[in-house]
Amino acid sequence: MDNISKELHIFLINLGDNPKLVSHQVEHYVEHLLHLLPTLHEQRLISFYGLFGNTRLTLRQLAEALNETDAQTAEKIVCDLRRLAITPEWQMLKNLIKTK
């Protein structure tokens, strides 16, 4: 995982662990960011990180639910993170988070 994607990965882990760390507005922006992905990809990230009150699924659980191998699911998650991490939307959101 590259450094740009890793920033988003760490942010999503923290958001899933403690959604109270960010304002409702930031959480809403994250929803919009995820909407940039196709629905299945969006749901995969929401489940993997346990976002928006959803139960966090392990890589194994997610792979089994999608009839994929762990490696396939992990590769798709990394690809989706990269797709989002390079968007202007994430760059603006990242700046908003840093100013809080």
Foldseek 3Di string as FASTA:
>chain_A
DDPLLVVVVVVLLVCQVPVVLDDPVLLVLVVVLLVVDPPVLSVLSCQCNVHPVRHHDDLCRSCVVVVHDSVVSVVSNSVVSVVSSPDVSVVVSVVVSVVD
